[in-house]
Amino acid sequence: MDSFTYQLTFDAEKEYLESYRWYEEQQENLGERFALSVRKKLQTISFNPYFYSKKKGRYHEASLGKPFPFVIVYIIDKKQNLIVVTSIFHTSRNPKRKYKK
């Protein structure tokens, strides 16, 4: 099976950049470690998007793991072989805001 490509929605990109900046302000290179963690997880998702279970409707979630309390929320577009990342969501936020289009 070919790997999927992925794209971030505007909101997911914004969450990613804000989190990157915040971590970089906390400690030098921590933002880079966050970015690497996100990229690695997106690569894993691209190779096997069905590995991570559906949490609500058609939304799947993949946890980044320690030390980053985030989940990557995405939907799978089989026709286009595409992963659409709708949120890079900090787990301390209101979970109702996790599933947005």
Protein backbone atom coordinates (compact mmCIF):
# COMPACT_ATOMS: atom_id res chain seq x y z
CA MET A 1 0.00 0.00 0.00
CA ASP A 2 1.29 3.44 -0.89
CA SER A 3 1.70 5.97 1.83
CA PHE A 4 -0.75 8.82 2.09
CA THR A 5 0.17 12.46 1.78
CA TYR A 6 -1.00 14.86 4.44
CA GLN A 7 -2.04 18.45 4.70
CA LEU A 8 -2.82 20.66 7.66
CA THR A 9 -5.92 22.82 7.73
CA PHE A 10 -5.41 26.51 8.44
CA ASP A 11 -6.44 25.97 12.09
CA ALA A 12 -4.11 23.00 12.55
CA GLU A 13 -1.21 24.97 11.06
CA LYS A 14 -1.96 27.86 13.41
CA GLU A 15 -2.06 25.54 16.46
CA TYR A 16 1.21 23.96 15.37
CA LEU A 17 3.03 27.28 14.94
CA GLU A 18 1.71 28.73 18.20
CA SER A 19 2.78 25.62 20.11
CA TYR A 20 6.18 25.59 18.43
CA ARG A 21 6.77 29.23 19.41
CA TRP A 22 5.60 28.63 22.97
CA TYR A 23 7.97 25.67 23.46
CA GLU A 24 10.84 27.58 21.89
CA GLU A 25 10.26 30.43 24.39
CA GLN A 26 10.33 27.97 27.30
CA GLN A 27 13.63 26.35 26.43
CA GLU A 28 16.05 26.58 23.54
CA ASN A 29 15.49 23.77 21.02
CA LEU A 30 12.33 22.55 22.77
CA GLY A 31 10.27 23.95 19.90
CA GLU A 32 12.48 22.00 17.50
CA ARG A 33 11.92 18.83 19.52
CA PHE A 34 8.16 19.47 19.36
CA ALA A 35 8.35 20.01 15.57
CA LEU A 36 10.34 16.80 15.12
CA SER A 37 7.83 14.88 17.23
CA VAL A 38 4.95 16.20 15.09
CA ARG A 39 6.76 15.37 11.83
CA LYS A 40 7.59 11.84 12.98
CA LYS A 41 4.00 11.20 14.04
CA LEU A 42 2.67 12.57 10.73
CA GLN A 43 5.05 10.28 8.88
CA THR A 44 3.81 7.30 10.91
CA ILE A 45 0.20 8.28 10.21
CA SER A 46 0.99 8.61 6.48
CA PHE A 47 2.24 5.03 6.30
CA ASN A 48 -0.68 3.52 8.22
CA PRO A 49 -3.52 6.01 8.88
CA TYR A 50 -5.91 3.27 10.01
CA PHE A 51 -3.62 2.23 12.87
CA TYR A 52 -5.02 5.01 15.06
CA SER A 53 -8.62 4.50 16.06
CA LYS A 54 -11.57 6.69 15.27
CA LYS A 55 -12.60 8.74 18.27
CA LYS A 56 -15.61 10.61 16.95
CA GLY A 57 -17.33 10.15 13.61
CA ARG A 58 -14.60 10.02 10.99
CA TYR A 59 -11.94 11.69 13.16
CA HIS A 60 -8.87 9.69 14.16
CA GLU A 61 -6.46 10.69 16.94
CA ALA A 62 -2.77 9.98 17.35
CA SER A 63 -1.04 10.99 20.57
CA LEU A 64 2.37 12.65 20.38
CA GLY A 65 3.46 11.18 23.68
CA LYS A 66 5.78 12.57 26.33
CA PRO A 67 6.81 15.24 26.88
CA PHE A 68 4.23 16.81 24.54
CA PRO A 69 0.57 16.54 25.67
CA PHE A 70 -0.92 16.77 22.19
CA VAL A 71 -3.02 14.66 19.87
CA ILE A 72 -3.06 14.95 16.11
CA VAL A 73 -6.67 14.85 14.94
CA TYR A 74 -7.20 13.85 11.32
CA ILE A 75 -9.58 12.45 8.76
CA ILE A 76 -8.74 10.10 5.92
CA ASP A 77 -9.67 10.91 2.33
CA LYS A 78 -9.30 7.51 0.64
CA LYS A 79 -10.11 8.81 -2.84
CA GLN A 80 -7.26 11.32 -2.79
CA ASN A 81 -4.90 9.19 -0.67
CA LEU A 82 -4.80 12.13 1.71
CA ILE A 83 -4.67 12.70 5.45
CA VAL A 84 -6.32 15.98 6.45
CA VAL A 85 -5.02 17.15 9.82
CA THR A 86 -7.78 19.20 11.41
CA SER A 87 -6.11 19.89 14.76
CA ILE A 88 -2.86 19.60 16.66
CA PHE A 89 -4.65 19.67 19.94
CA HIS A 90 -3.26 20.31 23.43
CA THR A 91 -4.95 17.81 25.72
CA SER A 92 -5.60 20.36 28.49
CA ARG A 93 -8.00 22.28 26.23
CA ASN A 94 -11.75 21.73 26.12
CA PRO A 95 -12.17 18.43 24.24
CA LYS A 96 -15.33 19.70 22.52
CA ARG A 97 -13.10 22.01 20.46
CA LYS A 98 -11.05 19.10 19.13
CA TYR A 99 -13.33 18.14 16.25
CA LYS A 100 -13.70 21.01 13.85
CA LYS A 101 -13.76 21.17 10.11
